[in-house]
Amino acid sequence: MRGAERLSWNFLGTRRGGIKLTAMDTEPFSLAYASGFPAARQLSIFLENGIGQLLRVTRLFDKTDIHILALSVVNSVDCAIIRLIVDDPDAAFDLLKESGFAVNQTEILVVALPPGKQALLHTWVAFLSAEVDVAYAYALMTHPNGNPALAVQADQLEQAAEALGKKGFEVLDQSDLAHLY
């Protein structure tokens, strides 16, 4: 399966307990994306914390047609997690894996914010009304349809997407993001 149809975790090894593993056993483990709601795909890259690591990642995309639409960096003493939303997550995932980066994909909501000063307030009210816990959020660098947008990871994505839709929010999916450039 290709990227839109999988979350990939690599399991390495050739023998386990005297049992020879086949090619099928050493292929990446895949799970189907089966969301019945609009969702985008976020790439999470795990890096050693150090000077120049962010440049190292973003430089990979410089000579490609892949555009970084959103970026978040979570930093700790010895490691960092870079979260990206891109217009072509399949190509970006493959590029990062081929370049030796530890990378994972997850679904995330991308919400186009309404105009006005209270856009964030209304967004959080929609999450609260659905009793959905927000784990983290970050802004997109592009403005889909001329509106600012927010990437949101929550404990119940489907319930959150439904609540946002009922409140009149536009929840974007990956195909909406693919055409921003």
C-alpha atoms as a PDB file:
ATOM      1  CA  MET A   1       0.000   0.000   0.000  1.00  0.00           C
ATOM      2  CA  ARG A   2       1.174   3.571  -0.653  1.00  0.00           C
ATOM      3  CA  GLY A   3       1.203   6.451   1.867  1.00  0.00           C
ATOM      4  CA  ALA A   4      -2.471   7.455   1.737  1.00  0.00           C
ATOM      5  CA  GLU A   5      -3.333   3.931   2.736  1.00  0.00           C
ATOM      6  CA  ARG A   6      -0.779   3.270   5.439  1.00  0.00           C
ATOM      7  CA  LEU A   7       0.850   4.198   8.668  1.00  0.00           C
ATOM      8  CA  SER A   8       4.305   2.720   8.532  1.00  0.00           C
ATOM      9  CA  TRP A   9       6.498   1.359  11.299  1.00  0.00           C
ATOM     10  CA  ASN A  10       9.603  -0.529  10.257  1.00  0.00           C
ATOM     11  CA  PHE A  11      10.443  -3.794  11.973  1.00  0.00           C
ATOM     12  CA  LEU A  12      13.975  -4.936  11.246  1.00  0.00           C
ATOM     13  CA  GLY A  13      15.589  -8.342  11.562  1.00  0.00           C
ATOM     14  CA  THR A  14      16.268 -11.475   9.634  1.00  0.00           C
ATOM     15  CA  ARG A  15      15.859 -14.217  12.217  1.00  0.00           C
ATOM     16  CA  ARG A  16      13.822 -14.437  15.363  1.00  0.00           C
ATOM     17  CA  GLY A  17      14.015 -17.448  17.671  1.00  0.00           C
ATOM     18  CA  GLY A  18      15.504 -19.638  14.941  1.00  0.00           C
ATOM     19  CA  ILE A  19      12.648 -18.856  12.554  1.00  0.00           C
ATOM     20  CA  LYS A  20      13.690 -17.412   9.224  1.00  0.00           C
ATOM     21  CA  LEU A  21      11.635 -14.366   8.300  1.00  0.00           C
ATOM     22  CA  THR A  22      10.334 -14.055   4.747  1.00  0.00           C
ATOM     23  CA  ALA A  23      10.319 -10.867   2.675  1.00  0.00           C
ATOM     24  CA  MET A  24       6.701 -10.384   3.715  1.00  0.00           C
ATOM     25  CA  ASP A  25       7.723 -10.495   7.391  1.00  0.00           C
ATOM     26  CA  THR A  26      10.304  -7.733   6.932  1.00  0.00           C
ATOM     27  CA  GLU A  27       8.098  -5.345   4.924  1.00  0.00           C
ATOM     28  CA  PRO A  28       6.840  -2.257   6.783  1.00  0.00           C
ATOM     29  CA  PHE A  29       3.793  -2.940   8.911  1.00  0.00           C
ATOM     30  CA  SER A  30       0.821  -1.113   7.389  1.00  0.00           C
ATOM     31  CA  LEU A  31      -2.548   0.021   8.653  1.00  0.00           C
ATOM     32  CA  ALA A  32      -5.259   1.271   6.333  1.00  0.00           C
ATOM     33  CA  TYR A  33      -6.483   4.826   6.624  1.00  0.00           C
ATOM     34  CA  ALA A  34     -10.175   4.362   7.100  1.00  0.00           C
ATOM     35  CA  SER A  35     -11.354   7.738   8.301  1.00  0.00           C
ATOM     36  CA  GLY A  36     -14.829   8.713   7.288  1.00  0.00           C
ATOM     37  CA  PHE A  37     -14.052  12.368   7.972  1.00  0.00           C
ATOM     38  CA  PRO A  38     -11.862  15.003   6.314  1.00  0.00           C
ATOM     39  CA  ALA A  39      -8.308  14.629   7.571  1.00  0.00           C
ATOM     40  CA  ALA A  40      -4.813  15.589   6.523  1.00  0.00           C
ATOM     41  CA  ARG A  41      -1.617  13.627   7.100  1.00  0.00           C
ATOM     42  CA  GLN A  42       1.086  14.843   9.405  1.00  0.00           C
ATOM     43  CA  LEU A  43       4.669  13.607   9.203  1.00  0.00           C
ATOM     44  CA  SER A  44       6.574  13.402  12.489  1.00  0.00           C
ATOM     45  CA  ILE A  45      10.349  13.258  12.210  1.00  0.00           C
ATOM     46  CA  PHE A  46      12.417  12.172  15.200  1.00  0.00           C
ATOM     47  CA  LEU A  47      15.846  13.807  15.394  1.00  0.00           C
ATOM     48  CA  GLU A  48      18.810  14.121  17.670  1.00  0.00           C
ATOM     49  CA  ASN A  49      18.653  17.588  19.168  1.00  0.00           C
ATOM     50  CA  GLY A  50      21.447  19.657  17.674  1.00  0.00           C
ATOM     51  CA  ILE A  51      22.412  22.689  15.683  1.00  0.00           C
ATOM     52  CA  GLY A  52      21.482  22.454  12.003  1.00  0.00           C
ATOM     53  CA  GLN A  53      19.001  19.564  12.263  1.00  0.00           C
ATOM     54  CA  LEU A  54      16.030  21.646  11.136  1.00  0.00           C
ATOM     55  CA  LEU A  55      18.036  22.938   8.174  1.00  0.00           C
ATOM     56  CA  ARG A  56      19.026  19.361   7.329  1.00  0.00           C
ATOM     57  CA  VAL A  57      15.362  18.308   7.104  1.00  0.00           C
ATOM     58  CA  THR A  58      14.025  21.321   5.236  1.00  0.00           C
ATOM     59  CA  ARG A  59      16.919  21.305   2.758  1.00  0.00           C
ATOM     60  CA  LEU A  60      15.720  17.890   1.511  1.00  0.00           C
ATOM     61  CA  PHE A  61      12.629  19.531   0.037  1.00  0.00           C
ATOM     62  CA  ASP A  62      14.518  22.379  -1.663  1.00  0.00           C
ATOM     63  CA  LYS A  63      15.018  20.569  -4.984  1.00  0.00           C
ATOM     64  CA  THR A  64      11.640  18.832  -5.054  1.00  0.00           C
ATOM     65  CA  ASP A  65       8.071  19.850  -5.834  1.00  0.00           C
ATOM     66  CA  ILE A  66       7.062  19.137  -2.211  1.00  0.00           C
ATOM     67  CA  HIS A  67       5.944  22.197  -0.256  1.00  0.00           C
ATOM     68  CA  ILE A  68       5.963  22.476   3.536  1.00  0.00           C
ATOM     69  CA  LEU A  69       2.577  23.911   4.532  1.00  0.00           C
ATOM     70  CA  ALA A  70       2.961  23.743   8.320  1.00  0.00           C
ATOM     71  CA  LEU A  71       5.787  23.118  10.739  1.00  0.00           C
ATOM     72  CA  SER A  72       6.032  22.526  14.457  1.00  0.00           C
ATOM     73  CA  VAL A  73       9.139  21.728  16.499  1.00  0.00           C
ATOM     74  CA  VAL A  74       8.979  20.088  19.914  1.00  0.00           C
ATOM     75  CA  ASN A  75      12.348  20.278  21.611  1.00  0.00           C
ATOM     76  CA  SER A  76      13.757  18.429  24.614  1.00  0.00           C
ATOM     77  CA  VAL A  77      17.244  18.019  26.060  1.00  0.00           C
ATOM     78  CA  ASP A  78      18.389  15.215  23.747  1.00  0.00           C
ATOM     79  CA  CYS A  79      15.828  14.901  20.959  1.00  0.00           C
ATOM     80  CA  ALA A  80      13.378  16.838  18.849  1.00  0.00           C
ATOM     81  CA  ILE A  81      10.185  16.019  17.009  1.00  0.00           C
ATOM     82  CA  ILE A  82       9.496  17.980  13.852  1.00  0.00           C
ATOM     83  CA  ARG A  83       5.891  17.829  12.714  1.00  0.00           C
ATOM     84  CA  LEU A  84       5.194  18.701   9.083  1.00  0.00           C
ATOM     85  CA  ILE A  85       2.160  19.017   6.899  1.00  0.00           C
ATOM     86  CA  VAL A  86       3.100  18.957   3.233  1.00  0.00           C
ATOM     87  CA  ASP A  87       1.208  19.020  -0.053  1.00  0.00           C
ATOM     88  CA  ASP A  88       2.474  15.562  -1.075  1.00  0.00           C
ATOM     89  CA  PRO A  89       2.885  13.375   2.042  1.00  0.00           C
ATOM     90  CA  ASP A  90       3.590  10.176   0.070  1.00  0.00           C
ATOM     91  CA  ALA A  91       6.594  11.678  -1.705  1.00  0.00           C
ATOM     92  CA  ALA A  92       7.774  13.438   1.463  1.00  0.00           C
ATOM     93  CA  PHE A  93       7.525  10.235   3.514  1.00  0.00           C
ATOM     94  CA  ASP A  94       9.524   8.299   0.926  1.00  0.00           C
ATOM     95  CA  LEU A  95      12.144  11.071   0.646  1.00  0.00           C
ATOM     96  CA  LEU A  96      12.613  11.241   4.412  1.00  0.00           C
ATOM     97  CA  LYS A  97      12.843   7.437   4.775  1.00  0.00           C
ATOM     98  CA  GLU A  98      15.333   7.171   1.892  1.00  0.00           C
ATOM     99  CA  SER A  99      17.407   9.913   3.554  1.00  0.00           C
ATOM    100  CA  GLY A 100      17.644   7.907   6.767  1.00  0.00           C
ATOM    101  CA  PHE A 101      15.198   9.839   8.946  1.00  0.00           C
ATOM    102  CA  ALA A 102      12.938   8.153  11.481  1.00  0.00           C
ATOM    103  CA  VAL A 103       9.494   9.287  10.311  1.00  0.00           C
ATOM    104  CA  ASN A 104       5.904   8.427  11.129  1.00  0.00           C
ATOM    105  CA  GLN A 105       2.519   9.474   9.692  1.00  0.00           C
ATOM    106  CA  THR A 106      -0.659  10.299  11.568  1.00  0.00           C
ATOM    107  CA  GLU A 107      -3.995  11.813  10.700  1.00  0.00           C
ATOM    108  CA  ILE A 108      -4.658  15.363  11.844  1.00  0.00           C
ATOM    109  CA  LEU A 109      -7.488  17.861  11.411  1.00  0.00           C
ATOM    110  CA  VAL A 110      -6.871  21.066   9.471  1.00  0.00           C
ATOM    111  CA  VAL A 111      -9.480  23.688  10.264  1.00  0.00           C
ATOM    112  CA  ALA A 112      -9.975  26.856   8.220  1.00  0.00           C
ATOM    113  CA  LEU A 113     -10.597  29.607  10.753  1.00  0.00           C
ATOM    114  CA  PRO A 114     -13.494  32.002  10.304  1.00  0.00           C
ATOM    115  CA  PRO A 115     -12.798  35.700   9.931  1.00  0.00           C
ATOM    116  CA  GLY A 116     -12.789  37.889  12.987  1.00  0.00           C
ATOM    117  CA  LYS A 117     -11.061  38.403  16.274  1.00  0.00           C
ATOM    118  CA  GLN A 118     -12.759  35.477  18.030  1.00  0.00           C
ATOM    119  CA  ALA A 119     -11.866  32.745  15.518  1.00  0.00           C
ATOM    120  CA  LEU A 120      -9.784  30.751  17.997  1.00  0.00           C
ATOM    121  CA  LEU A 121     -12.364  31.207  20.745  1.00  0.00           C
ATOM    122  CA  HIS A 122     -15.090  29.750  18.516  1.00  0.00           C
ATOM    123  CA  THR A 123     -12.788  26.894  17.479  1.00  0.00           C
ATOM    124  CA  TRP A 124     -12.102  25.856  21.076  1.00  0.00           C
ATOM    125  CA  VAL A 125     -15.805  26.161  21.957  1.00  0.00           C
ATOM    126  CA  ALA A 126     -16.564  23.669  19.169  1.00  0.00           C
ATOM    127  CA  PHE A 127     -14.028  21.211  20.618  1.00  0.00           C
ATOM    128  CA  LEU A 128     -15.386  21.702  24.137  1.00  0.00           C
ATOM    129  CA  SER A 129     -18.996  21.204  23.008  1.00  0.00           C
ATOM    130  CA  ALA A 130     -17.978  17.828  21.540  1.00  0.00           C
ATOM    131  CA  GLU A 131     -16.007  16.971  24.713  1.00  0.00           C
ATOM    132  CA  VAL A 132     -12.849  16.492  22.645  1.00  0.00           C
ATOM    133  CA  ASP A 133      -9.429  16.971  24.217  1.00  0.00           C
ATOM    134  CA  VAL A 134      -6.891  18.868  22.110  1.00  0.00           C
ATOM    135  CA  ALA A 135      -3.378  17.396  22.372  1.00  0.00           C
ATOM    136  CA  TYR A 136      -1.647  20.129  20.349  1.00  0.00           C
ATOM    137  CA  ALA A 137      -2.235  22.653  17.600  1.00  0.00           C
ATOM    138  CA  TYR A 138      -0.131  24.751  15.233  1.00  0.00           C
ATOM    139  CA  ALA A 139      -0.780  27.196  12.415  1.00  0.00           C
ATOM    140  CA  LEU A 140      -0.378  26.563   8.705  1.00  0.00           C
ATOM    141  CA  MET A 141       1.999  28.892   6.878  1.00  0.00           C
ATOM    142  CA  THR A 142      -0.377  29.054   3.903  1.00  0.00           C
ATOM    143  CA  HIS A 143      -3.943  30.303   3.959  1.00  0.00           C
ATOM    144  CA  PRO A 144      -6.304  27.855   2.253  1.00  0.00           C
ATOM    145  CA  ASN A 145      -9.123  29.768   0.534  1.00  0.00           C
ATOM    146  CA  GLY A 146      -7.675  32.999   1.916  1.00  0.00           C
ATOM    147  CA  ASN A 147      -8.353  32.034   5.547  1.00  0.00           C
ATOM    148  CA  PRO A 148      -5.831  31.215   8.237  1.00  0.00           C
ATOM    149  CA  ALA A 149      -5.869  27.542   9.173  1.00  0.00           C
ATOM    150  CA  LEU A 150      -4.952  25.485  12.193  1.00  0.00           C
ATOM    151  CA  ALA A 151      -3.650  21.909  12.390  1.00  0.00           C
ATOM    152  CA  VAL A 152      -5.164  20.201  15.439  1.00  0.00           C
ATOM    153  CA  GLN A 153      -4.422  16.808  16.983  1.00  0.00           C
ATOM    154  CA  ALA A 154      -7.171  15.613  19.305  1.00  0.00           C
ATOM    155  CA  ASP A 155      -8.151  12.451  21.115  1.00  0.00           C
ATOM    156  CA  GLN A 156     -11.279  11.903  18.981  1.00  0.00           C
ATOM    157  CA  LEU A 157     -10.667  13.233  15.473  1.00  0.00           C
ATOM    158  CA  GLU A 158     -13.920  12.008  13.937  1.00  0.00           C
ATOM    159  CA  GLN A 159     -16.027  13.470  16.730  1.00  0.00           C
ATOM    160  CA  ALA A 160     -14.083  16.746  16.503  1.00  0.00           C
ATOM    161  CA  ALA A 161     -14.528  16.961  12.708  1.00  0.00           C
ATOM    162  CA  GLU A 162     -18.263  16.353  13.079  1.00  0.00           C
ATOM    163  CA  ALA A 163     -18.609  19.024  15.795  1.00  0.00           C
ATOM    164  CA  LEU A 164     -16.617  21.560  13.767  1.00  0.00           C
ATOM    165  CA  GLY A 165     -18.764  20.882  10.691  1.00  0.00           C
ATOM    166  CA  LYS A 166     -21.980  21.368  12.690  1.00  0.00           C
ATOM    167  CA  LYS A 167     -20.649  24.734  13.904  1.00  0.00           C
ATOM    168  CA  GLY A 168     -19.984  25.829  10.310  1.00  0.00           C
ATOM    169  CA  PHE A 169     -16.207  25.340  10.221  1.00  0.00           C
ATOM    170  CA  GLU A 170     -14.508  24.087   7.086  1.00  0.00           C
ATOM    171  CA  VAL A 171     -12.378  21.018   7.867  1.00  0.00           C
ATOM    172  CA  LEU A 172      -9.877  20.438   5.080  1.00  0.00           C
ATOM    173  CA  ASP A 173      -8.598  17.098   3.868  1.00  0.00           C
ATOM    174  CA  GLN A 174      -5.322  16.187   2.205  1.00  0.00           C
ATOM    175  CA  SER A 175      -6.702  16.775  -1.305  1.00  0.00           C
ATOM    176  CA  ASP A 176      -7.546  20.385  -0.330  1.00  0.00           C
ATOM    177  CA  LEU A 177      -3.951  20.901   0.801  1.00  0.00           C
ATOM    178  CA  ALA A 178      -2.439  19.295  -2.292  1.00  0.00           C
ATOM    179  CA  HIS A 179      -3.546  22.215  -4.465  1.00  0.00           C
ATOM    180  CA  LEU A 180      -2.292  25.157  -2.407  1.00  0.00           C
ATOM    181  CA  TYR A 181       0.804  25.699  -4.581  1.00  0.00           C
END
